[in-house]
Every structure is written in structure tokens, then in C-alpha cells.
Amino acid sequence: MYNGRPEPEVIANFHDGLSFSKGKLEDALRTVVFDRKAPKSLKDPTVVKREDIDVVVNEFEITRTQAEKALGENGGDLTKTLRALVNS
């Protein structure tokens, strides 16, 4: 309430006949800001063993970063990673 009077429902009227209403604006704001769920992480962090990284680096002569990425994409499984790198 504003000075004992209820707030007006329509916030603004435009020349083309459209208008913003307070209720619709509050509902949209609530939906966007307050009712939004936290985004889920796309990938779970995968624990990669140092020995597995060393094997991939030595066998394929790639950088440690590339080896870590390849292992991460294959869930930290050395066998899957080696097969994926051989087939690519």
C-alpha cells in the first residue's frame, strides 16, 4: 500500500495498446530469479591416476594436458582411453 491506497495494477500503458502489469511482472521476476533451480554440473569430477597419465603420455607422445583430458572423457579408465586414442 502506498499512502493508504493500494498500488495500481498497471505500471505503464504504451501508445500501441500494450501495458505492463505489476502482477505479471512480479510473477515473471519470481520465476526467473527465485524459482530457478541450481544448474547441475555436466561432468562429475573424475579422479585420474598419475600413473595412468604417464602411460598415456609415454605411449602416445602427447602432452600431459591432452592425456588428462582423454582420461577424463573416458571416466578415468585407462583401457577405454587407450582404445579411444588408438581408434581416433
N, C-alpha and C. Protein backbone atom coordinates (compact mmCIF):
# COMPACT_ATOMS: atom_id res chain seq x y z
N MET A 1 0.85 -1.18 0.00
CA MET A 1 0.00 0.00 0.00
C MET A 1 0.89 1.24 0.00
N TYR A 2 0.42 2.24 -0.67
CA TYR A 2 1.15 3.47 -0.80
C TYR A 2 0.27 4.60 -0.30
N ASN A 3 0.59 5.21 0.84
CA ASN A 3 -0.20 6.28 1.46
C ASN A 3 -1.65 5.85 1.71
N GLY A 4 -1.82 4.60 2.14
CA GLY A 4 -3.15 4.13 2.46
C GLY A 4 -3.95 3.66 1.26
N ARG A 5 -3.41 3.81 0.07
CA ARG A 5 -4.11 3.37 -1.14
C ARG A 5 -3.40 2.15 -1.71
N PRO A 6 -4.14 1.22 -2.30
CA PRO A 6 -3.49 0.07 -2.92
C PRO A 6 -2.69 0.52 -4.15
N GLU A 7 -1.62 -0.21 -4.41
CA GLU A 7 -0.80 0.13 -5.58
C GLU A 7 -1.58 -0.21 -6.85
N PRO A 8 -1.40 0.59 -7.88
CA PRO A 8 -2.12 0.31 -9.12
C PRO A 8 -1.61 -0.97 -9.77
N GLU A 9 -2.51 -1.67 -10.43
CA GLU A 9 -2.14 -2.92 -11.09
C GLU A 9 -1.31 -2.66 -12.34
N VAL A 10 -1.67 -1.67 -13.13
CA VAL A 10 -0.96 -1.39 -14.37
C VAL A 10 0.18 -0.43 -14.07
N ILE A 11 1.40 -0.82 -14.47
CA ILE A 11 2.56 0.02 -14.23
C ILE A 11 2.72 1.07 -15.32
N ALA A 12 2.56 0.66 -16.58
CA ALA A 12 2.73 1.61 -17.68
C ALA A 12 1.84 1.20 -18.85
N ASN A 13 1.25 2.19 -19.50
CA ASN A 13 0.49 1.98 -20.73
C ASN A 13 1.29 2.58 -21.88
N PHE A 14 1.26 1.90 -23.02
CA PHE A 14 2.01 2.37 -24.17
C PHE A 14 1.04 2.76 -25.29
N HIS A 15 1.53 3.54 -26.24
CA HIS A 15 0.69 4.04 -27.33
C HIS A 15 0.18 2.92 -28.24
N ASP A 16 0.89 1.82 -28.31
CA ASP A 16 0.44 0.73 -29.17
C ASP A 16 -0.62 -0.15 -28.49
N GLY A 17 -1.04 0.21 -27.28
CA GLY A 17 -2.10 -0.51 -26.60
C GLY A 17 -1.61 -1.55 -25.61
N LEU A 18 -0.34 -1.82 -25.58
CA LEU A 18 0.20 -2.79 -24.64
C LEU A 18 0.49 -2.11 -23.30
N SER A 19 0.57 -2.93 -22.26
CA SER A 19 0.87 -2.38 -20.94
C SER A 19 1.60 -3.42 -20.10
N PHE A 20 2.32 -2.96 -19.10
CA PHE A 20 2.96 -3.83 -18.12
C PHE A 20 2.09 -3.83 -16.88
N SER A 21 1.76 -5.01 -16.38
CA SER A 21 1.00 -5.06 -15.14
C SER A 21 1.92 -5.53 -14.02
N LYS A 22 1.67 -5.03 -12.85
CA LYS A 22 2.51 -5.32 -11.70
C LYS A 22 2.50 -6.80 -11.38
N GLY A 23 1.35 -7.43 -11.38
CA GLY A 23 1.25 -8.84 -11.04
C GLY A 23 2.02 -9.74 -12.00
N LYS A 24 1.87 -9.47 -13.29
CA LYS A 24 2.59 -10.28 -14.28
C LYS A 24 4.09 -10.06 -14.19
N LEU A 25 4.50 -8.83 -13.93
CA LEU A 25 5.92 -8.53 -13.80
C LEU A 25 6.51 -9.23 -12.58
N GLU A 26 5.80 -9.23 -11.46
CA GLU A 26 6.28 -9.92 -10.26
C GLU A 26 6.35 -11.42 -10.47
N ASP A 27 5.36 -12.00 -11.15
CA ASP A 27 5.38 -13.44 -11.42
C ASP A 27 6.57 -13.81 -12.30
N ALA A 28 6.82 -13.02 -13.31
CA ALA A 28 7.95 -13.30 -14.20
C ALA A 28 9.27 -13.17 -13.45
N LEU A 29 9.39 -12.16 -12.63
CA LEU A 29 10.61 -11.96 -11.85
C LEU A 29 10.81 -13.11 -10.87
N ARG A 30 9.76 -13.53 -10.21
CA ARG A 30 9.85 -14.63 -9.27
C ARG A 30 10.30 -15.90 -9.97
N THR A 31 9.74 -16.16 -11.14
CA THR A 31 10.10 -17.35 -11.90
C THR A 31 11.56 -17.32 -12.31
N VAL A 32 12.03 -16.20 -12.78
CA VAL A 32 13.40 -16.10 -13.28
C VAL A 32 14.41 -16.10 -12.14
N VAL A 33 14.15 -15.37 -11.08
CA VAL A 33 15.15 -15.19 -10.03
C VAL A 33 15.03 -16.20 -8.90
N PHE A 34 13.86 -16.36 -8.35
CA PHE A 34 13.72 -17.12 -7.12
C PHE A 34 13.38 -18.59 -7.33
N ASP A 35 12.61 -18.93 -8.33
CA ASP A 35 12.16 -20.30 -8.51
C ASP A 35 13.11 -21.13 -9.37
N ARG A 36 14.19 -20.53 -9.82
CA ARG A 36 15.13 -21.22 -10.69
C ARG A 36 15.95 -22.22 -9.88
N LYS A 37 16.12 -23.41 -10.41
CA LYS A 37 16.89 -24.44 -9.73
C LYS A 37 18.37 -24.27 -10.08
N ALA A 38 19.21 -24.70 -9.18
CA ALA A 38 20.65 -24.62 -9.42
C ALA A 38 21.01 -25.56 -10.56
N PRO A 39 21.86 -25.10 -11.47
CA PRO A 39 22.24 -25.97 -12.58
C PRO A 39 23.08 -27.15 -12.10
N LYS A 40 22.85 -28.28 -12.71
CA LYS A 40 23.62 -29.47 -12.37
C LYS A 40 24.92 -29.43 -13.15
N SER A 41 25.96 -29.93 -12.53
CA SER A 41 27.23 -29.97 -13.24
C SER A 41 27.12 -31.00 -14.36
N LEU A 42 27.68 -30.66 -15.50
CA LEU A 42 27.59 -31.54 -16.65
C LEU A 42 28.46 -32.76 -16.49
N LYS A 43 29.61 -32.58 -15.88
CA LYS A 43 30.53 -33.69 -15.71
C LYS A 43 30.89 -33.81 -14.24
N ASP A 44 30.91 -35.03 -13.77
CA ASP A 44 31.39 -35.26 -12.42
C ASP A 44 32.91 -35.25 -12.46
N PRO A 45 33.52 -34.65 -11.47
CA PRO A 45 34.98 -34.66 -11.47
C PRO A 45 35.50 -36.09 -11.37
N THR A 46 36.39 -36.44 -12.27
CA THR A 46 36.94 -37.77 -12.32
C THR A 46 38.34 -37.76 -11.77
N VAL A 47 38.63 -38.69 -10.88
CA VAL A 47 39.97 -38.81 -10.33
C VAL A 47 40.81 -39.59 -11.33
N VAL A 48 41.90 -38.97 -11.76
CA VAL A 48 42.79 -39.58 -12.74
C VAL A 48 44.10 -39.88 -12.04
N LYS A 49 44.57 -41.12 -12.17
CA LYS A 49 45.82 -41.52 -11.52
C LYS A 49 47.02 -40.99 -12.30
N ARG A 50 48.03 -40.60 -11.56
CA ARG A 50 49.26 -40.08 -12.17
C ARG A 50 49.91 -41.15 -13.05
N GLU A 51 49.87 -42.40 -12.61
CA GLU A 51 50.49 -43.48 -13.38
C GLU A 51 49.79 -43.65 -14.73
N ASP A 52 48.46 -43.51 -14.73
CA ASP A 52 47.71 -43.63 -15.98
C ASP A 52 48.07 -42.50 -16.94
N ILE A 53 48.23 -41.30 -16.40
CA ILE A 53 48.63 -40.16 -17.24
C ILE A 53 49.99 -40.43 -17.84
N ASP A 54 50.91 -40.94 -17.03
CA ASP A 54 52.26 -41.22 -17.52
C ASP A 54 52.24 -42.26 -18.63
N VAL A 55 51.41 -43.29 -18.50
CA VAL A 55 51.31 -44.32 -19.54
C VAL A 55 50.83 -43.71 -20.85
N VAL A 56 49.78 -42.91 -20.78
CA VAL A 56 49.22 -42.30 -21.99
C VAL A 56 50.22 -41.34 -22.63
N VAL A 57 50.90 -40.54 -21.82
CA VAL A 57 51.89 -39.59 -22.34
C VAL A 57 53.03 -40.34 -23.03
N ASN A 58 53.53 -41.39 -22.40
CA ASN A 58 54.66 -42.13 -22.96
C ASN A 58 54.29 -42.94 -24.19
N GLU A 59 53.12 -43.54 -24.20
CA GLU A 59 52.73 -44.39 -25.32
C GLU A 59 52.31 -43.59 -26.56
N PHE A 60 51.65 -42.47 -26.35
CA PHE A 60 51.11 -41.72 -27.48
C PHE A 60 51.87 -40.43 -27.77
N GLU A 61 52.86 -40.14 -26.93
CA GLU A 61 53.68 -38.94 -27.10
C GLU A 61 52.81 -37.68 -27.25
N ILE A 62 51.90 -37.52 -26.29
CA ILE A 62 51.07 -36.33 -26.25
C ILE A 62 51.36 -35.61 -24.93
N THR A 63 50.86 -34.39 -24.81
CA THR A 63 51.10 -33.61 -23.60
C THR A 63 50.30 -34.16 -22.44
N ARG A 64 50.71 -33.79 -21.23
CA ARG A 64 50.00 -34.23 -20.02
C ARG A 64 48.56 -33.71 -20.03
N THR A 65 48.39 -32.49 -20.50
CA THR A 65 47.04 -31.90 -20.55
C THR A 65 46.13 -32.72 -21.46
N GLN A 66 46.65 -33.10 -22.62
CA GLN A 66 45.85 -33.91 -23.54
C GLN A 66 45.55 -35.28 -22.94
N ALA A 67 46.52 -35.85 -22.24
CA ALA A 67 46.32 -37.16 -21.61
C ALA A 67 45.27 -37.06 -20.51
N GLU A 68 45.35 -36.00 -19.69
CA GLU A 68 44.36 -35.81 -18.63
C GLU A 68 42.97 -35.64 -19.21
N LYS A 69 42.87 -34.89 -20.29
CA LYS A 69 41.58 -34.67 -20.93
C LYS A 69 41.01 -35.98 -21.47
N ALA A 70 41.86 -36.76 -22.13
CA ALA A 70 41.41 -38.04 -22.69
C ALA A 70 40.95 -38.98 -21.58
N LEU A 71 41.71 -39.05 -20.51
CA LEU A 71 41.32 -39.90 -19.38
C LEU A 71 40.03 -39.42 -18.74
N GLY A 72 39.88 -38.10 -18.61
CA GLY A 72 38.66 -37.54 -18.03
C GLY A 72 37.44 -37.84 -18.87
N GLU A 73 37.58 -37.78 -20.18
CA GLU A 73 36.47 -38.06 -21.08
C GLU A 73 36.04 -39.53 -21.02
N ASN A 74 36.97 -40.40 -20.61
CA ASN A 74 36.68 -41.83 -20.54
C ASN A 74 36.51 -42.30 -19.10
N GLY A 75 36.19 -41.39 -18.21
CA GLY A 75 35.89 -41.74 -16.83
C GLY A 75 37.08 -42.22 -16.03
N GLY A 76 38.28 -41.87 -16.46
CA GLY A 76 39.48 -42.29 -15.73
C GLY A 76 39.88 -43.72 -16.01
N ASP A 77 39.20 -44.39 -16.94
CA ASP A 77 39.50 -45.78 -17.27
C ASP A 77 40.62 -45.82 -18.31
N LEU A 78 41.76 -46.40 -17.93
CA LEU A 78 42.93 -46.43 -18.81
C LEU A 78 42.67 -47.25 -20.05
N THR A 79 42.02 -48.39 -19.92
CA THR A 79 41.76 -49.25 -21.07
C THR A 79 40.87 -48.55 -22.10
N LYS A 80 39.80 -47.93 -21.64
CA LYS A 80 38.91 -47.19 -22.56
C LYS A 80 39.66 -46.05 -23.23
N THR A 81 40.50 -45.36 -22.47
CA THR A 81 41.25 -44.23 -23.02
C THR A 81 42.20 -44.70 -24.10
N LEU A 82 42.94 -45.79 -23.84
CA LEU A 82 43.88 -46.30 -24.83
C LEU A 82 43.16 -46.73 -26.10
N ARG A 83 42.02 -47.39 -25.95
CA ARG A 83 41.25 -47.80 -27.13
C ARG A 83 40.73 -46.60 -27.91
N ALA A 84 40.27 -45.58 -27.19
CA ALA A 84 39.75 -44.39 -27.86
C ALA A 84 40.86 -43.66 -28.61
N LEU A 85 42.04 -43.60 -28.02
CA LEU A 85 43.15 -42.91 -28.69
C LEU A 85 43.65 -43.70 -29.89
N VAL A 86 43.64 -45.03 -29.82
CA VAL A 86 44.07 -45.85 -30.94
C VAL A 86 43.10 -45.73 -32.10
N ASN A 87 41.80 -45.67 -31.78
CA ASN A 87 40.77 -45.61 -32.83
C ASN A 87 40.56 -44.23 -33.40
N SER A 88 41.14 -43.21 -32.77
CA SER A 88 40.91 -41.85 -33.30
C SER A 88 41.95 -41.44 -34.29
